[in-house]
Every structure is written in C-alpha cells, then in structure tokens.
C-alpha cells in the first residue's frame, strides 16, 4: 500500500522560518542543515508507520523531531491513503491553527 504525503500551504513557511532562524540568528549553517535532515528523517518515520505517534488534538498526531524542539502535526486520511502534514511547530509556541 502506497502512502501519499501532502502538505498544507503553511508547512513550507514553517520550515523556512525555522531554517532561517538557525542559519542567521544562531549563525549556525550546520544546525540549519541538520534541522532539514531531522525533518526528512521524521517524515520518513511518519510514512513508514503513521500510527506510531500519539494523537494530541482530536485526530491530529504529532511527531517529535529528534534533535530540535519541533513537532510535525499531521492527520491520517485513511480513505485516500494520505498523510496531511498540517504544521511544523516549535514546541515553545502554540500552533496558529
């Protein structure tokens, strides 16, 4: 069974803002690249076994990044074998949705 991952429009902005923060504010290009690697690794884990991560809000699950204080918020849409990534949010901030 093939699982498709779709992204809400805001997800690209979420990732870009975090990347820019680590790259410029922390003056750590290596940390910014590691952040992207952490996102990719976590998305891979979600794709392999989307039910591993706990439900936090109604039907929204959250996967914790290994190194950075971020959660990937997502929904499983079983009828279409789709995972919808809703947000990539800092754990120190309340999601805006």
PDB file of N, CA and C in Angstrom:
ATOM      1  N   UNK A   1       0.834  -1.171   0.000  1.00  0.00           N
ATOM      2  CA  UNK A   1       0.000   0.000   0.000  1.00  0.00           C
ATOM      3  C   UNK A   1       0.888   1.248   0.000  1.00  0.00           C
ATOM      4  N   UNK A   2       0.658   2.110  -0.940  1.00  0.00           N
ATOM      5  CA  UNK A   2       1.442   3.332  -1.068  1.00  0.00           C
ATOM      6  C   UNK A   2       0.763   4.470  -0.322  1.00  0.00           C
ATOM      7  N   UNK A   3       1.542   5.168   0.476  1.00  0.00           N
ATOM      8  CA  UNK A   3       1.024   6.297   1.240  1.00  0.00           C
ATOM      9  C   UNK A   3       1.540   7.584   0.608  1.00  0.00           C
ATOM     10  N   UNK A   4       0.632   8.504   0.368  1.00  0.00           N
ATOM     11  CA  UNK A   4       0.974   9.800  -0.187  1.00  0.00           C
ATOM     12  C   UNK A   4       1.056  10.813   0.947  1.00  0.00           C
ATOM     13  N   UNK A   5       2.059  11.668   0.893  1.00  0.00           N
ATOM     14  CA  UNK A   5       2.160  12.758   1.864  1.00  0.00           C
ATOM     15  C   UNK A   5       1.832  14.062   1.159  1.00  0.00           C
ATOM     16  N   UNK A   6       0.883  14.788   1.729  1.00  0.00           N
ATOM     17  CA  UNK A   6       0.521  16.113   1.231  1.00  0.00           C
ATOM     18  C   UNK A   6       0.850  17.135   2.309  1.00  0.00           C
ATOM     19  N   UNK A   7       1.064  18.364   1.887  1.00  0.00           N
ATOM     20  CA  UNK A   7       1.461  19.417   2.811  1.00  0.00           C
ATOM     21  C   UNK A   7       0.483  20.577   2.748  1.00  0.00           C
ATOM     22  N   UNK A   8       0.047  21.042   3.909  1.00  0.00           N
ATOM     23  CA  UNK A   8      -0.744  22.271   3.963  1.00  0.00           C
ATOM     24  C   UNK A   8       0.140  23.422   3.510  1.00  0.00           C
ATOM     25  N   UNK A   9      -0.464  24.456   2.999  1.00  0.00           N
ATOM     26  CA  UNK A   9       0.287  25.581   2.433  1.00  0.00           C
ATOM     27  C   UNK A   9       1.269  26.193   3.429  1.00  0.00           C
ATOM     28  N   UNK A  10       0.930  26.222   4.682  1.00  0.00           N
ATOM     29  CA  UNK A  10       1.772  26.884   5.687  1.00  0.00           C
ATOM     30  C   UNK A  10       3.028  26.105   6.044  1.00  0.00           C
ATOM     31  N   UNK A  11       3.093  24.831   5.715  1.00  0.00           N
ATOM     32  CA  UNK A  11       4.211  23.980   6.148  1.00  0.00           C
ATOM     33  C   UNK A  11       5.541  24.462   5.576  1.00  0.00           C
ATOM     34  N   UNK A  12       5.556  24.851   4.332  1.00  0.00           N
ATOM     35  CA  UNK A  12       6.793  25.347   3.723  1.00  0.00           C
ATOM     36  C   UNK A  12       7.282  26.582   4.475  1.00  0.00           C
ATOM     37  N   UNK A  13       6.352  27.464   4.822  1.00  0.00           N
ATOM     38  CA  UNK A  13       6.726  28.664   5.589  1.00  0.00           C
ATOM     39  C   UNK A  13       7.258  28.297   6.969  1.00  0.00           C
ATOM     40  N   UNK A  14       6.611  27.329   7.622  1.00  0.00           N
ATOM     41  CA  UNK A  14       7.070  26.883   8.942  1.00  0.00           C
ATOM     42  C   UNK A  14       8.523  26.419   8.880  1.00  0.00           C
ATOM     43  N   UNK A  15       8.811  25.591   7.903  1.00  0.00           N
ATOM     44  CA  UNK A  15      10.163  25.032   7.771  1.00  0.00           C
ATOM     45  C   UNK A  15      11.157  26.119   7.393  1.00  0.00           C
ATOM     46  N   UNK A  16      10.765  26.981   6.476  1.00  0.00           N
ATOM     47  CA  UNK A  16      11.671  28.043   6.038  1.00  0.00           C
ATOM     48  C   UNK A  16      12.008  29.007   7.178  1.00  0.00           C
ATOM     49  N   UNK A  17      11.023  29.379   7.974  1.00  0.00           N
ATOM     50  CA  UNK A  17      11.275  30.287   9.099  1.00  0.00           C
ATOM     51  C   UNK A  17      12.236  29.659  10.108  1.00  0.00           C
ATOM     52  N   UNK A  18      12.037  28.392  10.410  1.00  0.00           N
ATOM     53  CA  UNK A  18      12.928  27.714  11.355  1.00  0.00           C
ATOM     54  C   UNK A  18      14.338  27.600  10.773  1.00  0.00           C
ATOM     55  N   UNK A  19      14.426  27.247   9.500  1.00  0.00           N
ATOM     56  CA  UNK A  19      15.727  27.138   8.839  1.00  0.00           C
ATOM     57  C   UNK A  19      16.460  28.475   8.908  1.00  0.00           C
ATOM     58  N   UNK A  20      15.767  29.552   8.555  1.00  0.00           N
ATOM     59  CA  UNK A  20      16.384  30.884   8.575  1.00  0.00           C
ATOM     60  C   UNK A  20      16.798  31.280   9.987  1.00  0.00           C
ATOM     61  N   UNK A  21      16.014  30.903  10.977  1.00  0.00           N
ATOM     62  CA  UNK A  21      16.366  31.218  12.364  1.00  0.00           C
ATOM     63  C   UNK A  21      17.701  30.564  12.727  1.00  0.00           C
ATOM     64  N   UNK A  22      17.820  29.272  12.456  1.00  0.00           N
ATOM     65  CA  UNK A  22      19.063  28.587  12.800  1.00  0.00           C
ATOM     66  C   UNK A  22      20.233  29.096  11.961  1.00  0.00           C
ATOM     67  N   UNK A  23      19.971  29.396  10.706  1.00  0.00           N
ATOM     68  CA  UNK A  23      21.044  29.836   9.812  1.00  0.00           C
ATOM     69  C   UNK A  23      21.557  31.228  10.169  1.00  0.00           C
ATOM     70  N   UNK A  24      20.638  32.174  10.430  1.00  0.00           N
ATOM     71  CA  UNK A  24      21.048  33.561  10.650  1.00  0.00           C
ATOM     72  C   UNK A  24      21.120  33.946  12.120  1.00  0.00           C
ATOM     73  N   UNK A  25      20.047  33.730  12.851  1.00  0.00           N
ATOM     74  CA  UNK A  25      20.012  34.165  14.248  1.00  0.00           C
ATOM     75  C   UNK A  25      21.011  33.406  15.112  1.00  0.00           C
ATOM     76  N   UNK A  26      21.124  32.145  14.876  1.00  0.00           N
ATOM     77  CA  UNK A  26      22.060  31.340  15.645  1.00  0.00           C
ATOM     78  C   UNK A  26      23.439  31.290  14.972  1.00  0.00           C
ATOM     79  N   UNK A  27      23.513  31.873  13.746  1.00  0.00           N
ATOM     80  CA  UNK A  27      24.756  31.880  12.978  1.00  0.00           C
ATOM     81  C   UNK A  27      25.347  30.473  12.894  1.00  0.00           C
ATOM     82  N   UNK A  28      24.471  29.536  12.540  1.00  0.00           N
ATOM     83  CA  UNK A  28      24.885  28.138  12.531  1.00  0.00           C
ATOM     84  C   UNK A  28      24.349  27.430  11.287  1.00  0.00           C
ATOM     85  N   UNK A  29      25.009  27.634  10.135  1.00  0.00           N
ATOM     86  CA  UNK A  29      24.554  26.958   8.920  1.00  0.00           C
ATOM     87  C   UNK A  29      24.483  25.441   9.066  1.00  0.00           C
ATOM     88  N   UNK A  30      25.392  24.858   9.839  1.00  0.00           N
ATOM     89  CA  UNK A  30      25.375  23.406  10.023  1.00  0.00           C
ATOM     90  C   UNK A  30      24.119  22.982  10.785  1.00  0.00           C
ATOM     91  N   UNK A  31      23.713  23.779  11.764  1.00  0.00           N
ATOM     92  CA  UNK A  31      22.495  23.477  12.519  1.00  0.00           C
ATOM     93  C   UNK A  31      21.271  23.579  11.610  1.00  0.00           C
ATOM     94  N   UNK A  32      21.266  24.562  10.730  1.00  0.00           N
ATOM     95  CA  UNK A  32      20.146  24.720   9.798  1.00  0.00           C
ATOM     96  C   UNK A  32      20.030  23.496   8.893  1.00  0.00           C
ATOM     97  N   UNK A  33      21.152  23.007   8.393  1.00  0.00           N
ATOM     98  CA  UNK A  33      21.140  21.805   7.545  1.00  0.00           C
ATOM     99  C   UNK A  33      20.717  20.576   8.347  1.00  0.00           C
ATOM    100  N   UNK A  34      21.184  20.485   9.584  1.00  0.00           N
ATOM    101  CA  UNK A  34      20.801  19.364  10.443  1.00  0.00           C
ATOM    102  C   UNK A  34      19.303  19.407  10.739  1.00  0.00           C
ATOM    103  N   UNK A  35      18.746  20.602  10.867  1.00  0.00           N
ATOM    104  CA  UNK A  35      17.301  20.756  11.057  1.00  0.00           C
ATOM    105  C   UNK A  35      16.547  20.135   9.884  1.00  0.00           C
ATOM    106  N   UNK A  36      16.974  20.447   8.662  1.00  0.00           N
ATOM    107  CA  UNK A  36      16.319  19.868   7.482  1.00  0.00           C
ATOM    108  C   UNK A  36      16.460  18.350   7.457  1.00  0.00           C
ATOM    109  N   UNK A  37      17.619  17.849   7.838  1.00  0.00           N
ATOM    110  CA  UNK A  37      17.816  16.398   7.908  1.00  0.00           C
ATOM    111  C   UNK A  37      16.876  15.768   8.930  1.00  0.00           C
ATOM    112  N   UNK A  38      16.702  16.436  10.061  1.00  0.00           N
ATOM    113  CA  UNK A  38      15.816  15.945  11.109  1.00  0.00           C
ATOM    114  C   UNK A  38      14.369  15.908  10.615  1.00  0.00           C
ATOM    115  N   UNK A  39      13.964  16.931   9.873  1.00  0.00           N
ATOM    116  CA  UNK A  39      12.618  16.958   9.270  1.00  0.00           C
ATOM    117  C   UNK A  39      12.454  15.755   8.343  1.00  0.00           C
ATOM    118  N   UNK A  40      13.418  15.538   7.453  1.00  0.00           N
ATOM    119  CA  UNK A  40      13.341  14.427   6.499  1.00  0.00           C
ATOM    120  C   UNK A  40      13.276  13.083   7.210  1.00  0.00           C
ATOM    121  N   UNK A  41      14.090  12.905   8.235  1.00  0.00           N
ATOM    122  CA  UNK A  41      14.088  11.648   8.991  1.00  0.00           C
ATOM    123  C   UNK A  41      12.733  11.403   9.651  1.00  0.00           C
ATOM    124  N   UNK A  42      12.174  12.442  10.231  1.00  0.00           N
ATOM    125  CA  UNK A  42      10.892  12.305  10.921  1.00  0.00           C
ATOM    126  C   UNK A  42       9.764  12.056   9.931  1.00  0.00           C
ATOM    127  N   UNK A  43       9.793  12.714   8.785  1.00  0.00           N
ATOM    128  CA  UNK A  43       8.793  12.447   7.751  1.00  0.00           C
ATOM    129  C   UNK A  43       8.889  11.000   7.266  1.00  0.00           C
ATOM    130  N   UNK A  44      10.104  10.487   7.158  1.00  0.00           N
ATOM    131  CA  UNK A  44      10.284   9.085   6.785  1.00  0.00           C
ATOM    132  C   UNK A  44       9.677   8.155   7.814  1.00  0.00           C
ATOM    133  N   UNK A  45       9.860   8.457   9.093  1.00  0.00           N
ATOM    134  CA  UNK A  45       9.278   7.640  10.158  1.00  0.00           C
ATOM    135  C   UNK A  45       7.754   7.694  10.115  1.00  0.00           C
ATOM    136  N   UNK A  46       7.205   8.864   9.841  1.00  0.00           N
ATOM    137  CA  UNK A  46       5.745   9.007   9.720  1.00  0.00           C
ATOM    138  C   UNK A  46       5.239   8.159   8.559  1.00  0.00           C
ATOM    139  N   UNK A  47       5.916   8.228   7.436  1.00  0.00           N
ATOM    140  CA  UNK A  47       5.490   7.473   6.254  1.00  0.00           C
ATOM    141  C   UNK A  47       5.544   5.961   6.518  1.00  0.00           C
ATOM    142  N   UNK A  48       6.611   5.508   7.172  1.00  0.00           N
ATOM    143  CA  UNK A  48       6.767   4.069   7.437  1.00  0.00           C
ATOM    144  C   UNK A  48       5.710   3.529   8.392  1.00  0.00           C
ATOM    145  N   UNK A  49       5.381   4.310   9.414  1.00  0.00           N
ATOM    146  CA  UNK A  49       4.399   3.846  10.386  1.00  0.00           C
ATOM    147  C   UNK A  49       3.667   5.040  10.999  1.00  0.00           C
ATOM    148  N   UNK A  50       2.656   5.544  10.304  1.00  0.00           N
ATOM    149  CA  UNK A  50       1.986   6.767  10.741  1.00  0.00           C
ATOM    150  C   UNK A  50       1.243   6.636  12.077  1.00  0.00           C
ATOM    151  N   UNK A  51       0.936   5.421  12.487  1.00  0.00           N
ATOM    152  CA  UNK A  51       0.194   5.238  13.735  1.00  0.00           C
ATOM    153  C   UNK A  51       1.099   5.196  14.966  1.00  0.00           C
ATOM    154  N   UNK A  52       2.390   5.256  14.782  1.00  0.00           N
ATOM    155  CA  UNK A  52       3.334   5.218  15.902  1.00  0.00           C
ATOM    156  C   UNK A  52       3.187   6.422  16.822  1.00  0.00           C
ATOM    157  N   UNK A  53       2.916   7.563  16.260  1.00  0.00           N
ATOM    158  CA  UNK A  53       2.912   8.806  17.018  1.00  0.00           C
ATOM    159  C   UNK A  53       1.536   9.080  17.616  1.00  0.00           C
ATOM    160  N   UNK A  54       1.527   9.690  18.778  1.00  0.00           N
ATOM    161  CA  UNK A  54       0.289   9.847  19.539  1.00  0.00           C
ATOM    162  C   UNK A  54      -0.607  10.952  18.992  1.00  0.00           C
ATOM    163  N   UNK A  55      -1.892  10.770  19.260  1.00  0.00           N
ATOM    164  CA  UNK A  55      -2.885  11.784  18.925  1.00  0.00           C
ATOM    165  C   UNK A  55      -2.846  12.837  20.026  1.00  0.00           C
ATOM    166  N   UNK A  56      -2.731  14.092  19.617  1.00  0.00           N
ATOM    167  CA  UNK A  56      -2.652  15.187  20.597  1.00  0.00           C
ATOM    168  C   UNK A  56      -3.897  16.066  20.588  1.00  0.00           C
ATOM    169  N   UNK A  57      -4.480  16.295  19.419  1.00  0.00           N
ATOM    170  CA  UNK A  57      -5.647  17.161  19.295  1.00  0.00           C
ATOM    171  C   UNK A  57      -6.635  16.491  18.359  1.00  0.00           C
ATOM    172  N   UNK A  58      -7.795  16.116  18.851  1.00  0.00           N
ATOM    173  CA  UNK A  58      -8.809  15.448  18.037  1.00  0.00           C
ATOM    174  C   UNK A  58      -8.176  14.311  17.243  1.00  0.00           C
ATOM    175  N   UNK A  59      -8.024  14.472  15.944  1.00  0.00           N
ATOM    176  CA  UNK A  59      -7.414  13.416  15.122  1.00  0.00           C
ATOM    177  C   UNK A  59      -6.032  13.823  14.602  1.00  0.00           C
ATOM    178  N   UNK A  60      -5.423  14.808  15.225  1.00  0.00           N
ATOM    179  CA  UNK A  60      -4.110  15.294  14.795  1.00  0.00           C
ATOM    180  C   UNK A  60      -3.024  14.627  15.636  1.00  0.00           C
ATOM    181  N   UNK A  61      -2.108  13.998  14.941  1.00  0.00           N
ATOM    182  CA  UNK A  61      -0.979  13.340  15.593  1.00  0.00           C
ATOM    183  C   UNK A  61       0.236  14.254  15.526  1.00  0.00           C
ATOM    184  N   UNK A  62       1.176  14.024  16.438  1.00  0.00           N
ATOM    185  CA  UNK A  62       2.386  14.842  16.477  1.00  0.00           C
ATOM    186  C   UNK A  62       3.612  13.954  16.580  1.00  0.00           C
ATOM    187  N   UNK A  63       4.564  14.219  15.713  1.00  0.00           N
ATOM    188  CA  UNK A  63       5.842  13.513  15.732  1.00  0.00           C
ATOM    189  C   UNK A  63       6.914  14.492  16.184  1.00  0.00           C
ATOM    190  N   UNK A  64       7.670  14.083  17.180  1.00  0.00           N
ATOM    191  CA  UNK A  64       8.716  14.930  17.740  1.00  0.00           C
ATOM    192  C   UNK A  64      10.005  14.750  16.936  1.00  0.00           C
ATOM    193  N   UNK A  65      10.641  15.858  16.563  1.00  0.00           N
ATOM    194  CA  UNK A  65      11.951  15.769  15.930  1.00  0.00           C
ATOM    195  C   UNK A  65      12.963  15.299  16.965  1.00  0.00           C
ATOM    196  N   UNK A  66      13.977  14.582  16.525  1.00  0.00           N
ATOM    197  CA  UNK A  66      14.956  14.003  17.449  1.00  0.00           C
ATOM    198  C   UNK A  66      15.836  15.053  18.116  1.00  0.00           C
ATOM    199  N   UNK A  67      16.262  16.043  17.365  1.00  0.00           N
ATOM    200  CA  UNK A  67      17.266  16.979  17.865  1.00  0.00           C
ATOM    201  C   UNK A  67      16.712  18.359  18.174  1.00  0.00           C
ATOM    202  N   UNK A  68      15.708  18.786  17.473  1.00  0.00           N
ATOM    203  CA  UNK A  68      15.220  20.158  17.568  1.00  0.00           C
ATOM    204  C   UNK A  68      13.858  20.196  18.262  1.00  0.00           C
ATOM    205  N   UNK A  69      13.527  21.314  18.917  1.00  0.00           N
ATOM    206  CA  UNK A  69      12.268  21.412  19.663  1.00  0.00           C
ATOM    207  C   UNK A  69      11.069  21.718  18.759  1.00  0.00           C
ATOM    208  N   UNK A  70      10.790  20.799  17.841  1.00  0.00           N
ATOM    209  CA  UNK A  70       9.696  20.965  16.890  1.00  0.00           C
ATOM    210  C   UNK A  70       8.856  19.702  16.825  1.00  0.00           C
ATOM    211  N   UNK A  71       7.580  19.897  16.510  1.00  0.00           N
ATOM    212  CA  UNK A  71       6.648  18.805  16.282  1.00  0.00           C
ATOM    213  C   UNK A  71       6.114  18.912  14.865  1.00  0.00           C
ATOM    214  N   UNK A  72       5.982  17.775  14.218  1.00  0.00           N
ATOM    215  CA  UNK A  72       5.280  17.729  12.936  1.00  0.00           C
ATOM    216  C   UNK A  72       3.855  17.280  13.247  1.00  0.00           C
ATOM    217  N   UNK A  73       2.892  18.146  12.952  1.00  0.00           N
ATOM    218  CA  UNK A  73       1.476  17.873  13.192  1.00  0.00           C
ATOM    219  C   UNK A  73       0.891  17.309  11.894  1.00  0.00           C
ATOM    220  N   UNK A  74       0.173  16.187  12.016  1.00  0.00           N
ATOM    221  CA  UNK A  74      -0.370  15.572  10.809  1.00  0.00           C
ATOM    222  C   UNK A  74      -1.657  14.808  11.084  1.00  0.00           C
ATOM    223  N   UNK A  75      -2.402  14.575  10.007  1.00  0.00           N
ATOM    224  CA  UNK A  75      -3.616  13.767  10.056  1.00  0.00           C
ATOM    225  C   UNK A  75      -3.460  12.602   9.088  1.00  0.00           C
ATOM    226  N   UNK A  76      -4.004  11.478   9.484  1.00  0.00           N
ATOM    227  CA  UNK A  76      -4.046  10.311   8.600  1.00  0.00           C
ATOM    228  C   UNK A  76      -5.420  10.294   7.948  1.00  0.00           C
ATOM    229  N   UNK A  77      -5.433  10.286   6.632  1.00  0.00           N
ATOM    230  CA  UNK A  77      -6.686  10.225   5.880  1.00  0.00           C
ATOM    231  C   UNK A  77      -6.770   8.838   5.260  1.00  0.00           C
ATOM    232  N   UNK A  78      -7.347   7.918   6.023  1.00  0.00           N
ATOM    233  CA  UNK A  78      -7.344   6.504   5.657  1.00  0.00           C
ATOM    234  C   UNK A  78      -8.052   6.219   4.345  1.00  0.00           C
ATOM    235  N   UNK A  79      -9.134   6.930   4.063  1.00  0.00           N
ATOM    236  CA  UNK A  79      -9.895   6.644   2.849  1.00  0.00           C
ATOM    237  C   UNK A  79      -9.103   6.913   1.573  1.00  0.00           C
ATOM    238  N   UNK A  80      -8.053   7.740   1.660  1.00  0.00           N
ATOM    239  CA  UNK A  80      -7.256   8.045   0.467  1.00  0.00           C
ATOM    240  C   UNK A  80      -5.784   7.661   0.635  1.00  0.00           C
ATOM    241  N   UNK A  81      -5.449   6.930   1.712  1.00  0.00           N
ATOM    242  CA  UNK A  81      -4.062   6.560   1.995  1.00  0.00           C
ATOM    243  C   UNK A  81      -3.132   7.767   1.935  1.00  0.00           C
ATOM    244  N   UNK A  82      -3.587   8.837   2.569  1.00  0.00           N
ATOM    245  CA  UNK A  82      -2.845  10.092   2.541  1.00  0.00           C
ATOM    246  C   UNK A  82      -2.534  10.548   3.961  1.00  0.00           C
ATOM    247  N   UNK A  83      -1.355  11.108   4.114  1.00  0.00           N
ATOM    248  CA  UNK A  83      -0.987  11.780   5.352  1.00  0.00           C
ATOM    249  C   UNK A  83      -0.902  13.256   5.016  1.00  0.00           C
ATOM    250  N   UNK A  84      -1.665  14.057   5.740  1.00  0.00           N
ATOM    251  CA  UNK A  84      -1.646  15.500   5.536  1.00  0.00           C
ATOM    252  C   UNK A  84      -0.806  16.132   6.634  1.00  0.00           C
ATOM    253  N   UNK A  85       0.316  16.726   6.240  1.00  0.00           N
ATOM    254  CA  UNK A  85       1.164  17.450   7.177  1.00  0.00           C
ATOM    255  C   UNK A  85       0.543  18.834   7.349  1.00  0.00           C
ATOM    256  N   UNK A  86       0.152  19.145   8.581  1.00  0.00           N
ATOM    257  CA  UNK A  86      -0.573  20.385   8.861  1.00  0.00           C
ATOM    258  C   UNK A  86       0.369  21.510   9.254  1.00  0.00           C
ATOM    259  N   UNK A  87       1.375  21.190  10.060  1.00  0.00           N
ATOM    260  CA  UNK A  87       2.282  22.237  10.546  1.00  0.00           C
ATOM    261  C   UNK A  87       3.565  21.612  11.065  1.00  0.00           C
ATOM    262  N   UNK A  88       4.610  22.417  11.056  1.00  0.00           N
ATOM    263  CA  UNK A  88       5.868  22.088  11.732  1.00  0.00           C
ATOM    264  C   UNK A  88       6.034  23.209  12.746  1.00  0.00           C
ATOM    265  N   UNK A  89       5.767  22.884  14.012  1.00  0.00           N
ATOM    266  CA  UNK A  89       5.671  23.930  15.028  1.00  0.00           C
ATOM    267  C   UNK A  89       6.708  23.759  16.129  1.00  0.00           C
ATOM    268  N   UNK A  90       7.215  24.880  16.567  1.00  0.00           N
ATOM    269  CA  UNK A  90       8.131  24.910  17.697  1.00  0.00           C
ATOM    270  C   UNK A  90       7.367  24.498  18.946  1.00  0.00           C
ATOM    271  N   UNK A  91       7.956  23.675  19.771  1.00  0.00           N
ATOM    272  CA  UNK A  91       7.258  23.186  20.969  1.00  0.00           C
ATOM    273  C   UNK A  91       7.067  24.287  22.013  1.00  0.00           C
ATOM    274  N   UNK A  92       7.740  25.410  21.838  1.00  0.00           N
ATOM    275  CA  UNK A  92       7.595  26.525  22.776  1.00  0.00           C
ATOM    276  C   UNK A  92       6.547  27.533  22.325  1.00  0.00           C
ATOM    277  N   UNK A  93       5.876  27.222  21.216  1.00  0.00           N
ATOM    278  CA  UNK A  93       4.855  28.120  20.701  1.00  0.00           C
ATOM    279  C   UNK A  93       3.552  27.356  20.518  1.00  0.00           C
ATOM    280  N   UNK A  94       2.441  28.040  20.667  1.00  0.00           N
ATOM    281  CA  UNK A  94       1.129  27.445  20.429  1.00  0.00           C
ATOM    282  C   UNK A  94       0.861  27.452  18.925  1.00  0.00           C
ATOM    283  N   UNK A  95       0.400  26.324  18.349  1.00  0.00           N
ATOM    284  CA  UNK A  95       0.093  26.319  16.912  1.00  0.00           C
ATOM    285  C   UNK A  95      -0.956  27.373  16.578  1.00  0.00           C
ATOM    286  N   UNK A  96      -0.868  27.933  15.391  1.00  0.00           N
ATOM    287  CA  UNK A  96      -1.768  29.011  14.975  1.00  0.00           C
ATOM    288  C   UNK A  96      -3.060  28.511  14.367  1.00  0.00           C
ATOM    289  N   UNK A  97      -3.231  27.228  14.166  1.00  0.00           N
ATOM    290  CA  UNK A  97      -4.455  26.737  13.533  1.00  0.00           C
ATOM    291  C   UNK A  97      -5.467  26.314  14.519  1.00  0.00           C
TER     292      UNK A  97
END
